[in-house]
PDB file of N, CA and C in Angstrom:
ATOM      1  N   MET A   1     -17.723  16.850   8.714  1.00  0.00           N
ATOM      2  CA  MET A   1     -17.649  17.608   7.489  1.00  0.00           C
ATOM      3  C   MET A   1     -18.378  16.333   6.392  1.00  0.00           C
ATOM      4  N   ILE A   2     -19.435  17.348   5.923  1.00  0.00           N
ATOM      5  CA  ILE A   2     -20.442  16.734   4.963  1.00  0.00           C
ATOM      6  C   ILE A   2     -20.428  17.324   3.619  1.00  0.00           C
ATOM      7  N   LYS A   3     -20.347  16.554   2.760  1.00  0.00           N
ATOM      8  CA  LYS A   3     -20.279  17.035   1.454  1.00  0.00           C
ATOM      9  C   LYS A   3     -21.284  16.406   0.378  1.00  0.00           C
ATOM     10  N   LYS A   4     -20.908  17.146  -0.649  1.00  0.00           N
ATOM     11  CA  LYS A   4     -22.141  16.347  -1.639  1.00  0.00           C
ATOM     12  C   LYS A   4     -21.726  16.061  -2.710  1.00  0.00           C
ATOM     13  N   LEU A   5     -22.606  15.104  -3.725  1.00  0.00           N
ATOM     14  CA  LEU A   5     -21.522  14.644  -4.945  1.00  0.00           C
ATOM     15  C   LEU A   5     -21.993  15.354  -6.274  1.00  0.00           C
ATOM     16  N   ASN A   6     -20.816  15.736  -6.817  1.00  0.00           N
ATOM     17  CA  ASN A   6     -21.294  16.608  -8.249  1.00  0.00           C
ATOM     18  C   ASN A   6     -21.253  15.462  -9.033  1.00  0.00           C
ATOM     19  N   LYS A   7     -22.330  15.715 -10.509  1.00  0.00           N
ATOM     20  CA  LYS A   7     -22.377  15.008 -11.447  1.00  0.00           C
ATOM     21  C   LYS A   7     -21.739  15.565 -12.546  1.00  0.00           C
ATOM     22  N   ASP A   8     -20.992  14.928 -13.554  1.00  0.00           N
ATOM     23  CA  ASP A   8     -20.626  15.492 -14.799  1.00  0.00           C
ATOM     24  C   ASP A   8     -20.842  13.937 -15.635  1.00  0.00           C
ATOM     25  N   GLY A   9     -21.759  14.347 -16.618  1.00  0.00           N
ATOM     26  CA  GLY A   9     -22.298  13.518 -17.287  1.00  0.00           C
ATOM     27  C   GLY A   9     -22.343  12.066 -16.564  1.00  0.00           C
ATOM     28  N   GLU A  10     -21.678  11.009 -16.808  1.00  0.00           N
ATOM     29  CA  GLU A  10     -21.940   9.579 -16.381  1.00  0.00           C
ATOM     30  C   GLU A  10     -20.747   9.468 -15.146  1.00  0.00           C
ATOM     31  N   HIS A  11     -20.040  10.552 -14.723  1.00  0.00           N
ATOM     32  CA  HIS A  11     -19.142  10.329 -13.533  1.00  0.00           C
ATOM     33  C   HIS A  11     -19.841  11.229 -12.373  1.00  0.00           C
ATOM     34  N   TYR A  12     -19.373  10.941 -11.203  1.00  0.00           N
ATOM     35  CA  TYR A  12     -19.733  11.797 -10.110  1.00  0.00           C
ATOM     36  C   TYR A  12     -18.354  11.772  -9.511  1.00  0.00           C
ATOM     37  N   SER A  13     -18.345  13.301  -8.412  1.00  0.00           N
ATOM     38  CA  SER A  13     -16.988  13.537  -8.020  1.00  0.00           C
ATOM     39  C   SER A  13     -17.530  14.168  -6.646  1.00  0.00           C
ATOM     40  N   ILE A  14     -16.221  14.312  -6.202  1.00  0.00           N
ATOM     41  CA  ILE A  14     -16.557  14.784  -4.402  1.00  0.00           C
ATOM     42  C   ILE A  14     -15.259  15.377  -4.499  1.00  0.00           C
ATOM     43  N   GLN A  15     -15.302  17.055  -3.756  1.00  0.00           N
ATOM     44  CA  GLN A  15     -14.381  17.562  -3.736  1.00  0.00           C
ATOM     45  C   GLN A  15     -13.791  17.606  -2.275  1.00  0.00           C
ATOM     46  N   ILE A  16     -12.431  17.372  -2.508  1.00  0.00           N
ATOM     47  CA  ILE A  16     -11.836  17.104  -1.099  1.00  0.00           C
ATOM     48  C   ILE A  16     -10.721  18.216  -0.585  1.00  0.00           C
ATOM     49  N   ASP A  17     -11.065  18.929   0.449  1.00  0.00           N
ATOM     50  CA  ASP A  17     -10.466  19.757   1.127  1.00  0.00           C
ATOM     51  C   ASP A  17      -8.686  20.331   0.979  1.00  0.00           C
ATOM     52  N   ALA A  18      -8.291  20.879   0.533  1.00  0.00           N
ATOM     53  CA  ALA A  18      -7.054  21.268   0.032  1.00  0.00           C
ATOM     54  C   ALA A  18      -6.175  20.543   1.960  1.00  0.00           C
ATOM     55  N   LYS A  19      -6.810  20.749   2.833  1.00  0.00           N
ATOM     56  CA  LYS A  19      -6.036  20.388   4.053  1.00  0.00           C
ATOM     57  C   LYS A  19      -5.692  18.718   4.200  1.00  0.00           C
ATOM     58  N   PHE A  20      -6.677  18.093   3.541  1.00  0.00           N
ATOM     59  CA  PHE A  20      -6.932  16.870   3.611  1.00  0.00           C
ATOM     60  C   PHE A  20      -5.845  16.270   2.677  1.00  0.00           C
ATOM     61  N   VAL A  21      -5.837  16.905   1.070  1.00  0.00           N
ATOM     62  CA  VAL A  21      -4.824  16.727   0.583  1.00  0.00           C
ATOM     63  C   VAL A  21      -3.280  16.713   0.589  1.00  0.00           C
ATOM     64  N   GLU A  22      -3.193  17.952   1.264  1.00  0.00           N
ATOM     65  CA  GLU A  22      -1.865  17.967   1.993  1.00  0.00           C
ATOM     66  C   GLU A  22      -1.405  17.379   3.101  1.00  0.00           C
ATOM     67  N   ALA A  23      -2.550  16.664   4.090  1.00  0.00           N
ATOM     68  CA  ALA A  23      -2.166  15.627   5.017  1.00  0.00           C
ATOM     69  C   ALA A  23      -1.433  13.981   4.199  1.00  0.00           C
ATOM     70  N   MET A  24      -2.103  14.121   3.421  1.00  0.00           N
ATOM     71  CA  MET A  24      -1.959  12.877   2.514  1.00  0.00           C
ATOM     72  C   MET A  24      -0.862  12.639   2.081  1.00  0.00           C
ATOM     73  N   LYS A  25       0.000  14.035   1.736  1.00  0.00           N
ATOM     74  CA  LYS A  25       1.128  14.273   0.348  1.00  0.00           C
ATOM     75  C   LYS A  25       0.778  13.863  -0.646  1.00  0.00           C
ATOM     76  N   ALA A  26      -0.626  14.382  -1.311  1.00  0.00           N
ATOM     77  CA  ALA A  26      -1.064  13.841  -2.436  1.00  0.00           C
ATOM     78  C   ALA A  26      -0.677  15.032  -3.313  1.00  0.00           C
ATOM     79  N   THR A  27      -0.968  14.799  -4.663  1.00  0.00           N
ATOM     80  CA  THR A  27      -0.622  16.095  -5.559  1.00  0.00           C
ATOM     81  C   THR A  27      -1.730  15.277  -6.770  1.00  0.00           C
ATOM     82  N   THR A  28      -1.733  16.319  -7.740  1.00  0.00           N
ATOM     83  CA  THR A  28      -2.975  15.909  -8.834  1.00  0.00           C
ATOM     84  C   THR A  28      -2.092  14.435  -9.688  1.00  0.00           C
ATOM     85  N   ALA A  29      -0.844  14.318  -9.543  1.00  0.00           N
ATOM     86  CA  ALA A  29      -0.259  12.757 -10.040  1.00  0.00           C
ATOM     87  C   ALA A  29      -0.476  11.696  -9.060  1.00  0.00           C
ATOM     88  N   THR A  30      -1.210  11.938  -7.944  1.00  0.00           N
ATOM     89  CA  THR A  30      -1.265  10.655  -6.732  1.00  0.00           C
ATOM     90  C   THR A  30      -1.963   9.799  -7.278  1.00  0.00           C
ATOM     91  N   GLU A  31      -2.034   8.859  -7.401  1.00  0.00           N
ATOM     92  CA  GLU A  31      -2.968   7.454  -7.597  1.00  0.00           C
ATOM     93  C   GLU A  31      -3.764   6.878  -6.764  1.00  0.00           C
ATOM     94  N   PHE A  32      -4.609   6.543  -6.585  1.00  0.00           N
ATOM     95  CA  PHE A  32      -5.390   6.020  -5.004  1.00  0.00           C
ATOM     96  C   PHE A  32      -6.218   4.997  -5.373  1.00  0.00           C
ATOM     97  N   GLU A  33      -6.330   4.024  -4.335  1.00  0.00           N
ATOM     98  CA  GLU A  33      -7.150   2.834  -4.430  1.00  0.00           C
ATOM     99  C   GLU A  33      -8.362   3.294  -3.947  1.00  0.00           C
ATOM    100  N   VAL A  34      -9.174   2.904  -4.575  1.00  0.00           N
ATOM    101  CA  VAL A  34     -11.069   3.120  -4.216  1.00  0.00           C
ATOM    102  C   VAL A  34     -11.288   1.788  -4.078  1.00  0.00           C
ATOM    103  N   GLU A  35     -12.154   1.887  -2.879  1.00  0.00           N
ATOM    104  CA  GLU A  35     -12.834   0.517  -2.149  1.00  0.00           C
ATOM    105  C   GLU A  35     -13.888   1.007  -1.865  1.00  0.00           C
ATOM    106  N   LEU A  36     -14.572  -0.149  -1.945  1.00  0.00           N
ATOM    107  CA  LEU A  36     -16.525  -0.048  -1.094  1.00  0.00           C
ATOM    108  C   LEU A  36     -16.382  -1.207  -0.193  1.00  0.00           C
ATOM    109  N   ASN A  37     -16.879  -0.982   0.865  1.00  0.00           N
ATOM    110  CA  ASN A  37     -16.934  -1.484   1.787  1.00  0.00           C
ATOM    111  C   ASN A  37     -18.170  -1.325   2.520  1.00  0.00           C
ATOM    112  N   GLU A  38     -18.798  -2.612   2.335  1.00  0.00           N
ATOM    113  CA  GLU A  38     -20.140  -2.657   3.220  1.00  0.00           C
ATOM    114  C   GLU A  38     -20.858  -0.909   3.057  1.00  0.00           C
ATOM    115  N   GLY A  39     -21.158  -0.443   2.007  1.00  0.00           N
ATOM    116  CA  GLY A  39     -21.711   0.700   1.964  1.00  0.00           C
ATOM    117  C   GLY A  39     -20.899   2.248   1.960  1.00  0.00           C
ATOM    118  N   SER A  40     -19.362   1.769   2.651  1.00  0.00           N
ATOM    119  CA  SER A  40     -18.776   3.027   2.555  1.00  0.00           C
ATOM    120  C   SER A  40     -17.425   3.128   1.692  1.00  0.00           C
ATOM    121  N   LEU A  41     -17.071   4.378   1.233  1.00  0.00           N
ATOM    122  CA  LEU A  41     -16.343   4.029   0.078  1.00  0.00           C
ATOM    123  C   LEU A  41     -14.955   4.795   0.971  1.00  0.00           C
ATOM    124  N   SER A  42     -13.766   4.391   0.380  1.00  0.00           N
ATOM    125  CA  SER A  42     -12.297   4.204   0.984  1.00  0.00           C
ATOM    126  C   SER A  42     -11.413   4.562   0.135  1.00  0.00           C
ATOM    127  N   ILE A  43     -11.013   5.825  -0.163  1.00  0.00           N
ATOM    128  CA  ILE A  43      -9.500   6.033  -0.837  1.00  0.00           C
ATOM    129  C   ILE A  43      -8.418   6.187   0.100  1.00  0.00           C
ATOM    130  N   THR A  44      -7.595   5.703  -0.682  1.00  0.00           N
ATOM    131  CA  THR A  44      -5.943   5.428   0.104  1.00  0.00           C
ATOM    132  C   THR A  44      -4.720   5.641  -1.135  1.00  0.00           C
ATOM    133  N   PRO A  45      -4.007   6.966  -0.795  1.00  0.00           N
ATOM    134  CA  PRO A  45      -2.972   7.220  -1.891  1.00  0.00           C
ATOM    135  C   PRO A  45      -1.965   6.138  -1.564  1.00  0.00           C
ATOM    136  N   VAL A  46      -1.563   5.751  -3.153  1.00  0.00           N
ATOM    137  CA  VAL A  46      -0.705   4.470  -3.287  1.00  0.00           C
ATOM    138  C   VAL A  46       0.630   5.369  -3.342  1.00  0.00           C
ATOM    139  N   LYS A  47       1.361   4.674  -2.483  1.00  0.00           N
ATOM    140  CA  LYS A  47       2.424   5.121  -1.901  1.00  0.00           C
ATOM    141  C   LYS A  47       3.550   4.245  -2.835  1.00  0.00           C
ATOM    142  N   ASN A  48       4.315   5.297  -3.484  1.00  0.00           N
ATOM    143  CA  ASN A  48       5.377   4.595  -4.460  1.00  0.00           C
ATOM    144  C   ASN A  48       6.616   4.509  -3.551  1.00  0.00           C
ATOM    145  N   CYS A  49       7.501   3.118  -3.835  1.00  0.00           N
ATOM    146  CA  CYS A  49       8.742   3.321  -2.829  1.00  0.00           C
ATOM    147  C   CYS A  49       9.915   4.517  -3.261  1.00  0.00           C
ATOM    148  N   CYS A  50       9.786   4.833  -4.321  1.00  0.00           N
ATOM    149  CA  CYS A  50      10.780   5.713  -4.533  1.00  0.00           C
ATOM    150  C   CYS A  50      10.375   6.975  -5.891  1.00  0.00           C
ATOM    151  N   SER A  51      11.040   7.740  -6.079  1.00  0.00           N
ATOM    152  CA  SER A  51      10.713   8.418  -7.197  1.00  0.00           C
ATOM    153  C   SER A  51      11.258   8.117  -8.639  1.00  0.00           C
ATOM    154  N   ASN A  52      11.022   8.500  -9.603  1.00  0.00           N
ATOM    155  CA  ASN A  52      11.022   8.059 -10.823  1.00  0.00           C
ATOM    156  C   ASN A  52      12.763   8.103 -11.252  1.00  0.00           C
ATOM    157  N   ASP A  53      13.204   9.107 -10.887  1.00  0.00           N
ATOM    158  CA  ASP A  53      14.813   9.368 -10.767  1.00  0.00           C
ATOM    159  C   ASP A  53      15.498   8.213  -9.969  1.00  0.00           C
ATOM    160  N   GLU A  54      14.639   8.026  -8.759  1.00  0.00           N
ATOM    161  CA  GLU A  54      15.624   7.067  -7.712  1.00  0.00           C
ATOM    162  C   GLU A  54      15.333   6.077  -8.313  1.00  0.00           C
ATOM    163  N   PHE A  55      14.205   5.175  -9.141  1.00  0.00           N
ATOM    164  CA  PHE A  55      14.064   4.047  -9.473  1.00  0.00           C
ATOM    165  C   PHE A  55      15.406   4.043 -10.815  1.00  0.00           C
ATOM    166  N   GLU A  56      15.054   4.932 -11.793  1.00  0.00           N
ATOM    167  CA  GLU A  56      16.194   4.820 -12.897  1.00  0.00           C
ATOM    168  C   GLU A  56      17.582   4.795 -12.275  1.00  0.00           C
ATOM    169  N   GLU A  57      17.902   5.558 -11.155  1.00  0.00           N
ATOM    170  CA  GLU A  57      19.367   5.265 -10.732  1.00  0.00           C
ATOM    171  C   GLU A  57      19.406   3.585 -10.037  1.00  0.00           C
ATOM    172  N   ALA A  58      18.454   3.278  -9.562  1.00  0.00           N
ATOM    173  CA  ALA A  58      18.863   2.321  -9.315  1.00  0.00           C
ATOM    174  C   ALA A  58      18.694   0.919 -10.073  1.00  0.00           C
ATOM    175  N   LEU A  59      17.550   1.121 -11.153  1.00  0.00           N
ATOM    176  CA  LEU A  59      17.917   0.292 -12.282  1.00  0.00           C
ATOM    177  C   LEU A  59      19.493   0.715 -12.788  1.00  0.00           C
ATOM    178  N   SER A  60      19.796   1.149 -13.588  1.00  0.00           N
ATOM    179  CA  SER A  60      21.204   1.741 -13.772  1.00  0.00           C
ATOM    180  C   SER A  60      21.906   0.848 -13.297  1.00  0.00           C
ATOM    181  N   ASP A  61      21.841   1.242 -11.766  1.00  0.00           N
ATOM    182  CA  ASP A  61      22.927   0.172 -10.594  1.00  0.00           C
ATOM    183  C   ASP A  61      23.052  -1.134 -11.070  1.00  0.00           C
ATOM    184  N   VAL A  62      21.686  -1.809 -10.865  1.00  0.00           N
ATOM    185  CA  VAL A  62      21.530  -2.786 -11.377  1.00  0.00           C
ATOM    186  C   VAL A  62      22.224  -3.732 -12.665  1.00  0.00           C
ATOM    187  N   HIS A  63      21.676  -2.735 -13.674  1.00  0.00           N
ATOM    188  CA  HIS A  63      22.105  -3.351 -15.083  1.00  0.00           C
ATOM    189  C   HIS A  63      23.736  -3.094 -15.159  1.00  0.00           C
ATOM    190  N   LYS A  64      24.736  -2.254 -14.242  1.00  0.00           N
ATOM    191  CA  LYS A  64      26.035  -2.315 -14.182  1.00  0.00           C
ATOM    192  C   LYS A  64      26.833  -3.482 -13.544  1.00  0.00           C
ATOM    193  N   ARG A  65      25.787  -3.285 -12.471  1.00  0.00           N
ATOM    194  CA  ARG A  65      26.411  -4.222 -11.484  1.00  0.00           C
ATOM    195  C   ARG A  65      25.885  -6.264 -11.806  1.00  0.00           C
ATOM    196  N   PHE A  66      25.372  -6.267 -12.547  1.00  0.00           N
ATOM    197  CA  PHE A  66      24.460  -7.820 -12.892  1.00  0.00           C
ATOM    198  C   PHE A  66      23.929  -7.751 -14.711  1.00  0.00           C
ATOM    199  N   GLY A  67      24.437  -6.659 -14.673  1.00  0.00           N
ATOM    200  CA  GLY A  67      23.917  -6.684 -17.023  1.00  0.00           C
ATOM    201  C   GLY A  67      24.391  -8.115 -17.330  1.00  0.00           C
ATOM    202  N   ASN A  68      25.677  -8.497 -17.016  1.00  0.00           N
ATOM    203  CA  ASN A  68      26.462  -9.635 -17.632  1.00  0.00           C
ATOM    204  C   ASN A  68      25.510 -10.734 -17.504  1.00  0.00           C
ATOM    205  N   ALA A  69      25.254 -11.018 -15.964  1.00  0.00           N
ATOM    206  CA  ALA A  69      24.935 -12.153 -15.365  1.00  0.00           C
ATOM    207  C   ALA A  69      23.446 -12.347 -15.990  1.00  0.00           C
ATOM    208  N   MET A  70      22.660 -11.314 -16.156  1.00  0.00           N
ATOM    209  CA  MET A  70      21.285 -11.269 -16.869  1.00  0.00           C
ATOM    210  C   MET A  70      21.179 -11.749 -18.201  1.00  0.00           C
ATOM    211  N   LYS A  71      22.162 -11.007 -18.908  1.00  0.00           N
ATOM    212  CA  LYS A  71      22.311 -11.507 -20.009  1.00  0.00           C
ATOM    213  C   LYS A  71      22.454 -13.218 -20.056  1.00  0.00           C
ATOM    214  N   LYS A  72      23.087 -13.641 -19.443  1.00  0.00           N
ATOM    215  CA  LYS A  72      23.442 -15.017 -19.245  1.00  0.00           C
ATOM    216  C   LYS A  72      22.654 -15.965 -18.805  1.00  0.00           C
ATOM    217  N   LEU A  73      21.590 -15.508 -18.193  1.00  0.00           N
ATOM    218  CA  LEU A  73      20.372 -16.160 -17.428  1.00  0.00           C
ATOM    219  C   LEU A  73      19.636 -16.154 -18.692  1.00  0.00           C
ATOM    220  N   ALA A  74      19.494 -15.010 -19.655  1.00  0.00           N
ATOM    221  CA  ALA A  74      18.205 -14.544 -20.539  1.00  0.00           C
ATOM    222  C   ALA A  74      18.665 -16.233 -21.876  1.00  0.00           C
ATOM    223  N   GLU A  75      19.608 -16.700 -21.710  1.00  0.00           N
ATOM    224  CA  GLU A  75      20.487 -17.077 -22.836  1.00  0.00           C
ATOM    225  C   GLU A  75      19.903 -18.985 -22.422  1.00  0.00           C
TER     226      GLU A  75
END
């Protein structure tokens, strides 16, 4: 598949077909690692280990279980 760059002021973009976005399980909120290697551009979605809700739940659990110990270590 051949694509052309679009120019918007000082920035360039390229449109990515929906089938590729779906295959990467990416959304508009997905962050990408962008690398240039020997003249080739590589974009890779950054995969988070968990959702924000899962992270907040795990953090709450850590505070419940180890909150007192962390406070003592901080002193």
